[in-house]
N, C-alpha and C. Protein backbone atom coordinates (compact mmCIF):
# COMPACT_ATOMS: atom_id res chain seq x y z
N GLU A 1 60.60 42.41 153.41
CA GLU A 1 59.30 42.33 152.73
C GLU A 1 58.39 43.44 153.26
N TYR A 2 58.01 44.32 152.37
CA TYR A 2 57.19 45.48 152.73
C TYR A 2 55.75 45.12 153.07
N LYS A 3 55.27 44.03 152.50
CA LYS A 3 53.85 43.69 152.63
C LYS A 3 53.40 43.62 154.09
N LEU A 4 54.23 43.09 154.95
CA LEU A 4 53.83 42.92 156.35
C LEU A 4 53.62 44.25 157.07
N THR A 5 54.35 45.28 156.67
CA THR A 5 54.29 46.56 157.37
C THR A 5 53.43 47.60 156.66
N TYR A 6 53.46 47.62 155.34
CA TYR A 6 52.84 48.72 154.59
C TYR A 6 51.55 48.35 153.86
N TYR A 7 51.21 47.07 153.77
CA TYR A 7 49.92 46.68 153.19
C TYR A 7 48.95 46.46 154.33
N THR A 8 47.97 47.36 154.45
CA THR A 8 47.04 47.33 155.59
C THR A 8 45.61 47.46 155.08
N PRO A 9 45.04 46.38 154.55
CA PRO A 9 43.69 46.46 153.98
C PRO A 9 42.61 46.80 155.00
N GLU A 10 42.90 46.67 156.27
CA GLU A 10 41.92 47.01 157.31
C GLU A 10 41.92 48.50 157.63
N TYR A 11 42.86 49.25 157.07
CA TYR A 11 43.00 50.68 157.40
C TYR A 11 41.79 51.48 156.90
N GLN A 12 41.26 52.31 157.77
CA GLN A 12 40.17 53.23 157.42
C GLN A 12 40.79 54.60 157.20
N THR A 13 40.64 55.13 155.99
CA THR A 13 41.25 56.43 155.70
C THR A 13 40.61 57.52 156.55
N LYS A 14 41.41 58.57 156.78
CA LYS A 14 40.96 59.71 157.58
C LYS A 14 40.74 60.91 156.65
N ASP A 15 39.93 61.85 157.09
CA ASP A 15 39.70 63.06 156.31
C ASP A 15 40.97 63.86 156.12
N THR A 16 41.94 63.65 156.98
CA THR A 16 43.19 64.40 156.90
C THR A 16 44.28 63.67 156.11
N ASP A 17 44.03 62.45 155.66
CA ASP A 17 45.03 61.72 154.88
C ASP A 17 45.15 62.29 153.48
N ILE A 18 46.36 62.27 152.95
CA ILE A 18 46.57 62.52 151.54
C ILE A 18 46.42 61.17 150.86
N LEU A 19 45.54 61.09 149.87
CA LEU A 19 45.24 59.82 149.22
C LEU A 19 45.76 59.82 147.79
N ALA A 20 46.47 58.77 147.43
CA ALA A 20 47.02 58.63 146.09
C ALA A 20 46.56 57.31 145.49
N ALA A 21 46.34 57.34 144.18
CA ALA A 21 46.02 56.13 143.43
C ALA A 21 47.11 55.95 142.37
N PHE A 22 47.84 54.85 142.46
CA PHE A 22 48.91 54.54 141.53
C PHE A 22 48.51 53.36 140.65
N ARG A 23 48.77 53.46 139.37
CA ARG A 23 48.65 52.30 138.48
C ARG A 23 50.00 51.59 138.53
N VAL A 24 49.99 50.35 138.96
CA VAL A 24 51.23 49.60 139.11
C VAL A 24 51.21 48.36 138.22
N THR A 25 52.36 48.07 137.64
CA THR A 25 52.58 46.82 136.93
C THR A 25 53.78 46.16 137.61
N PRO A 26 53.53 45.14 138.44
CA PRO A 26 54.64 44.50 139.15
C PRO A 26 55.54 43.71 138.20
N GLN A 27 56.77 43.52 138.61
CA GLN A 27 57.67 42.62 137.89
C GLN A 27 57.10 41.21 138.01
N PRO A 28 57.41 40.33 137.06
CA PRO A 28 56.94 38.95 137.16
C PRO A 28 57.33 38.33 138.50
N GLY A 29 56.37 37.66 139.13
CA GLY A 29 56.61 37.01 140.41
C GLY A 29 56.37 37.88 141.62
N VAL A 30 56.13 39.17 141.43
CA VAL A 30 55.86 40.07 142.55
C VAL A 30 54.35 40.20 142.71
N PRO A 31 53.78 39.77 143.84
CA PRO A 31 52.33 39.87 144.04
C PRO A 31 51.90 41.34 144.08
N PRO A 32 50.67 41.63 143.63
CA PRO A 32 50.21 43.03 143.62
C PRO A 32 50.21 43.68 145.00
N GLU A 33 49.93 42.90 146.05
CA GLU A 33 49.94 43.46 147.41
C GLU A 33 51.35 43.91 147.81
N GLU A 34 52.33 43.12 147.41
CA GLU A 34 53.72 43.49 147.70
C GLU A 34 54.12 44.73 146.90
N ALA A 35 53.67 44.81 145.64
CA ALA A 35 53.98 45.98 144.81
C ALA A 35 53.34 47.24 145.40
N GLY A 36 52.08 47.15 145.82
CA GLY A 36 51.41 48.30 146.43
C GLY A 36 52.07 48.70 147.73
N ALA A 37 52.44 47.72 148.54
CA ALA A 37 53.12 48.00 149.80
C ALA A 37 54.48 48.64 149.55
N ALA A 38 55.17 48.20 148.50
CA ALA A 38 56.47 48.78 148.16
C ALA A 38 56.33 50.24 147.77
N VAL A 39 55.28 50.57 147.03
CA VAL A 39 55.03 51.97 146.65
C VAL A 39 54.79 52.80 147.91
N ALA A 40 53.95 52.29 148.81
CA ALA A 40 53.67 53.01 150.07
C ALA A 40 54.95 53.20 150.88
N ALA A 41 55.77 52.17 150.94
CA ALA A 41 57.01 52.24 151.71
C ALA A 41 58.00 53.21 151.09
N GLU A 42 58.27 53.02 149.81
CA GLU A 42 59.30 53.81 149.14
C GLU A 42 58.93 55.28 149.02
N SER A 43 57.64 55.60 149.08
CA SER A 43 57.22 57.00 148.99
C SER A 43 56.96 57.60 150.37
N SER A 44 57.26 56.85 151.42
CA SER A 44 57.07 57.41 152.77
C SER A 44 58.31 57.10 153.61
N THR A 45 58.22 56.11 154.47
CA THR A 45 59.30 55.86 155.44
C THR A 45 60.19 54.67 155.10
N GLY A 46 59.92 53.96 154.05
CA GLY A 46 60.68 52.74 153.73
C GLY A 46 62.13 52.98 153.38
N THR A 47 62.47 54.18 152.94
CA THR A 47 63.85 54.46 152.58
C THR A 47 64.60 55.21 153.66
N TRP A 48 63.97 55.41 154.81
CA TRP A 48 64.66 56.09 155.90
C TRP A 48 65.85 55.27 156.35
N THR A 49 66.97 55.92 156.55
CA THR A 49 68.18 55.27 157.05
C THR A 49 68.05 55.07 158.56
N THR A 50 68.47 53.91 159.02
CA THR A 50 68.41 53.63 160.45
C THR A 50 69.47 54.46 161.18
N VAL A 51 69.01 55.23 162.14
CA VAL A 51 69.91 56.04 162.97
C VAL A 51 69.48 55.90 164.42
N TRP A 52 70.27 56.44 165.32
CA TRP A 52 69.99 56.27 166.76
C TRP A 52 68.66 56.87 167.17
N THR A 53 68.17 57.87 166.42
CA THR A 53 66.91 58.51 166.79
C THR A 53 65.68 57.70 166.41
N ASP A 54 65.87 56.56 165.73
CA ASP A 54 64.72 55.75 165.32
C ASP A 54 63.85 55.36 166.50
N GLY A 55 64.45 55.18 167.66
CA GLY A 55 63.67 54.83 168.85
C GLY A 55 62.76 55.95 169.31
N LEU A 56 63.02 57.16 168.82
CA LEU A 56 62.22 58.32 169.21
C LEU A 56 61.07 58.58 168.24
N THR A 57 61.08 57.90 167.10
CA THR A 57 60.10 58.15 166.05
C THR A 57 59.20 56.94 165.87
N SER A 58 57.92 57.17 165.77
CA SER A 58 56.96 56.10 165.56
C SER A 58 56.72 55.89 164.07
N LEU A 59 57.20 54.76 163.55
CA LEU A 59 56.99 54.44 162.15
C LEU A 59 55.51 54.43 161.82
N ASP A 60 54.71 53.90 162.72
CA ASP A 60 53.28 53.79 162.47
C ASP A 60 52.62 55.16 162.28
N ARG A 61 53.17 56.17 162.90
CA ARG A 61 52.60 57.52 162.79
C ARG A 61 52.88 58.14 161.43
N TYR A 62 54.01 57.81 160.81
CA TYR A 62 54.45 58.48 159.59
C TYR A 62 54.33 57.65 158.31
N LYS A 63 54.19 56.36 158.41
CA LYS A 63 54.26 55.52 157.21
C LYS A 63 53.05 55.70 156.30
N GLY A 64 53.30 55.53 155.00
CA GLY A 64 52.21 55.42 154.03
C GLY A 64 51.63 54.03 154.14
N ARG A 65 50.36 53.91 153.79
CA ARG A 65 49.68 52.61 153.89
C ARG A 65 48.97 52.30 152.58
N CYS A 66 49.30 51.17 151.99
CA CYS A 66 48.53 50.68 150.86
C CYS A 66 47.32 49.97 151.45
N TYR A 67 46.15 50.56 151.25
CA TYR A 67 44.96 50.02 151.91
C TYR A 67 44.01 49.30 150.96
N ARG A 68 44.27 49.38 149.65
CA ARG A 68 43.41 48.66 148.71
C ARG A 68 44.17 48.45 147.40
N ILE A 69 43.90 47.30 146.78
CA ILE A 69 44.46 46.97 145.47
C ILE A 69 43.29 46.52 144.60
N GLU A 70 43.20 47.07 143.40
CA GLU A 70 42.17 46.65 142.45
C GLU A 70 42.82 46.32 141.11
N ARG A 71 42.39 45.23 140.51
CA ARG A 71 42.87 44.88 139.18
C ARG A 71 42.29 45.87 138.17
N VAL A 72 43.10 46.29 137.19
CA VAL A 72 42.62 47.16 136.12
C VAL A 72 41.96 46.27 135.07
N VAL A 73 40.66 46.47 134.88
CA VAL A 73 39.89 45.64 133.95
C VAL A 73 40.43 45.83 132.53
N GLY A 74 40.66 44.71 131.85
CA GLY A 74 41.10 44.74 130.47
C GLY A 74 42.60 44.94 130.28
N GLU A 75 43.34 45.03 131.37
CA GLU A 75 44.79 45.22 131.28
C GLU A 75 45.49 44.07 132.00
N LYS A 76 46.47 43.49 131.34
CA LYS A 76 47.20 42.36 131.90
C LYS A 76 48.18 42.83 132.97
N ASP A 77 48.09 42.25 134.14
CA ASP A 77 49.03 42.50 135.25
C ASP A 77 49.11 43.96 135.68
N GLN A 78 48.01 44.71 135.54
CA GLN A 78 47.98 46.09 136.02
C GLN A 78 46.97 46.21 137.15
N TYR A 79 47.34 47.01 138.14
CA TYR A 79 46.52 47.19 139.34
C TYR A 79 46.52 48.66 139.73
N ILE A 80 45.46 49.06 140.44
CA ILE A 80 45.45 50.36 141.08
C ILE A 80 45.75 50.11 142.56
N ALA A 81 46.81 50.72 143.03
CA ALA A 81 47.20 50.64 144.45
C ALA A 81 46.81 51.96 145.10
N TYR A 82 45.96 51.87 146.11
CA TYR A 82 45.51 53.06 146.84
C TYR A 82 46.37 53.21 148.09
N VAL A 83 46.97 54.39 148.23
CA VAL A 83 47.89 54.64 149.33
C VAL A 83 47.44 55.88 150.11
N ALA A 84 47.41 55.75 151.43
CA ALA A 84 47.08 56.87 152.32
C ALA A 84 48.35 57.32 153.04
N TYR A 85 48.55 58.63 153.06
CA TYR A 85 49.70 59.23 153.74
C TYR A 85 49.20 60.14 154.86
N PRO A 86 49.76 60.02 156.05
CA PRO A 86 49.37 60.94 157.13
C PRO A 86 49.99 62.32 156.89
N LEU A 87 49.27 63.36 157.28
CA LEU A 87 49.78 64.72 157.10
C LEU A 87 51.11 64.93 157.81
N ASP A 88 51.31 64.26 158.94
CA ASP A 88 52.54 64.45 159.72
C ASP A 88 53.80 64.03 158.97
N LEU A 89 53.65 63.26 157.90
CA LEU A 89 54.80 62.83 157.11
C LEU A 89 55.44 64.01 156.37
N PHE A 90 54.66 65.02 156.05
CA PHE A 90 55.12 66.10 155.19
C PHE A 90 55.28 67.41 155.94
N GLU A 91 56.18 68.23 155.42
CA GLU A 91 56.36 69.58 155.96
C GLU A 91 55.06 70.36 155.75
N GLU A 92 54.60 71.01 156.78
CA GLU A 92 53.32 71.71 156.74
C GLU A 92 53.28 72.75 155.62
N GLY A 93 52.28 72.63 154.75
CA GLY A 93 52.06 73.59 153.68
C GLY A 93 53.03 73.54 152.52
N SER A 94 53.99 72.61 152.52
CA SER A 94 54.98 72.53 151.45
C SER A 94 54.55 71.51 150.41
N VAL A 95 53.91 72.01 149.37
CA VAL A 95 53.45 71.13 148.29
C VAL A 95 54.66 70.49 147.60
N THR A 96 55.75 71.22 147.49
CA THR A 96 56.97 70.68 146.88
C THR A 96 57.48 69.48 147.67
N ASN A 97 57.52 69.59 148.99
CA ASN A 97 57.95 68.48 149.84
C ASN A 97 57.04 67.27 149.66
N MET A 98 55.73 67.52 149.61
CA MET A 98 54.77 66.43 149.46
C MET A 98 54.96 65.71 148.12
N PHE A 99 55.04 66.47 147.02
CA PHE A 99 55.20 65.84 145.71
C PHE A 99 56.54 65.12 145.60
N THR A 100 57.58 65.68 146.15
CA THR A 100 58.89 65.03 146.12
C THR A 100 58.84 63.68 146.83
N SER A 101 58.16 63.63 147.95
CA SER A 101 58.04 62.37 148.68
C SER A 101 57.20 61.35 147.93
N ILE A 102 56.06 61.78 147.42
CA ILE A 102 55.12 60.84 146.80
C ILE A 102 55.59 60.36 145.44
N VAL A 103 56.14 61.24 144.62
CA VAL A 103 56.52 60.83 143.26
C VAL A 103 58.01 60.93 142.99
N GLY A 104 58.80 61.27 143.99
CA GLY A 104 60.23 61.50 143.79
C GLY A 104 61.02 60.28 143.36
N ASN A 105 61.37 59.41 144.29
CA ASN A 105 62.27 58.30 143.97
C ASN A 105 61.54 56.98 143.75
N VAL A 106 60.25 56.95 143.94
CA VAL A 106 59.52 55.69 143.87
C VAL A 106 59.41 55.15 142.44
N PHE A 107 59.52 56.02 141.44
CA PHE A 107 59.32 55.58 140.07
C PHE A 107 60.46 54.74 139.53
N GLY A 108 61.59 54.71 140.18
CA GLY A 108 62.69 53.87 139.76
C GLY A 108 62.78 52.56 140.53
N PHE A 109 61.74 52.21 141.25
CA PHE A 109 61.76 51.04 142.12
C PHE A 109 61.78 49.74 141.31
N LYS A 110 62.70 48.85 141.63
CA LYS A 110 62.94 47.65 140.82
C LYS A 110 61.84 46.59 140.88
N ALA A 111 61.00 46.59 141.91
CA ALA A 111 59.94 45.59 142.01
C ALA A 111 58.81 45.86 141.03
N LEU A 112 58.85 47.03 140.38
CA LEU A 112 57.77 47.42 139.47
C LEU A 112 58.29 47.53 138.04
N ARG A 113 57.49 47.01 137.12
CA ARG A 113 57.80 47.18 135.70
C ARG A 113 57.34 48.55 135.23
N ALA A 114 56.22 49.03 135.80
CA ALA A 114 55.69 50.35 135.43
C ALA A 114 54.90 50.91 136.61
N LEU A 115 54.89 52.24 136.70
CA LEU A 115 54.17 52.93 137.77
C LEU A 115 53.73 54.29 137.27
N ARG A 116 52.48 54.64 137.57
CA ARG A 116 51.97 55.96 137.19
C ARG A 116 51.01 56.46 138.26
N LEU A 117 51.20 57.70 138.66
CA LEU A 117 50.27 58.33 139.59
C LEU A 117 49.02 58.69 138.81
N GLU A 118 47.88 58.12 139.20
CA GLU A 118 46.62 58.34 138.49
C GLU A 118 45.77 59.44 139.13
N ASP A 119 45.81 59.53 140.46
CA ASP A 119 44.96 60.50 141.15
C ASP A 119 45.58 60.83 142.50
N LEU A 120 45.31 62.05 142.97
CA LEU A 120 45.83 62.50 144.25
C LEU A 120 44.79 63.40 144.90
N ARG A 121 44.45 63.09 146.15
CA ARG A 121 43.50 63.93 146.90
C ARG A 121 44.26 64.55 148.06
N ILE A 122 44.27 65.88 148.06
CA ILE A 122 44.94 66.63 149.11
C ILE A 122 43.86 67.25 149.98
N PRO A 123 43.84 66.94 151.27
CA PRO A 123 42.78 67.46 152.13
C PRO A 123 42.96 68.96 152.41
N PRO A 124 41.86 69.66 152.65
CA PRO A 124 41.95 71.09 152.97
C PRO A 124 42.87 71.38 154.17
N ALA A 125 42.99 70.43 155.08
CA ALA A 125 43.85 70.64 156.26
C ALA A 125 45.31 70.85 155.88
N TYR A 126 45.73 70.39 154.69
CA TYR A 126 47.13 70.53 154.28
C TYR A 126 47.42 71.88 153.62
N VAL A 127 46.45 72.37 152.88
CA VAL A 127 46.68 73.62 152.14
C VAL A 127 46.09 74.79 152.83
């Protein structure tokens, strides 16, 4: 369950975070917080394969965090999931690497009926 690790409503975004807003439509029975957490996980560290070096890497330093969920007014079962990504997750200055991580494999995630990237804020520190 991603919600316990990747849904962090107490998180205060940093000026250096890459911020994304996704419109999510969860599958029936999937709570919006779990859907938002799944997006944060699948687009950051949630798909990392467990290897011996895991003990050397801090998940907390690299993971994406779903820090807010808002219902889309007038739309049934649609939410905006706000996700913050630390700069350290991405190769420095590689916009291709960043986009591949954020929008690459997450759109085929089974917990979601629909997903769309609505907005993306890239801090000056990255470019």
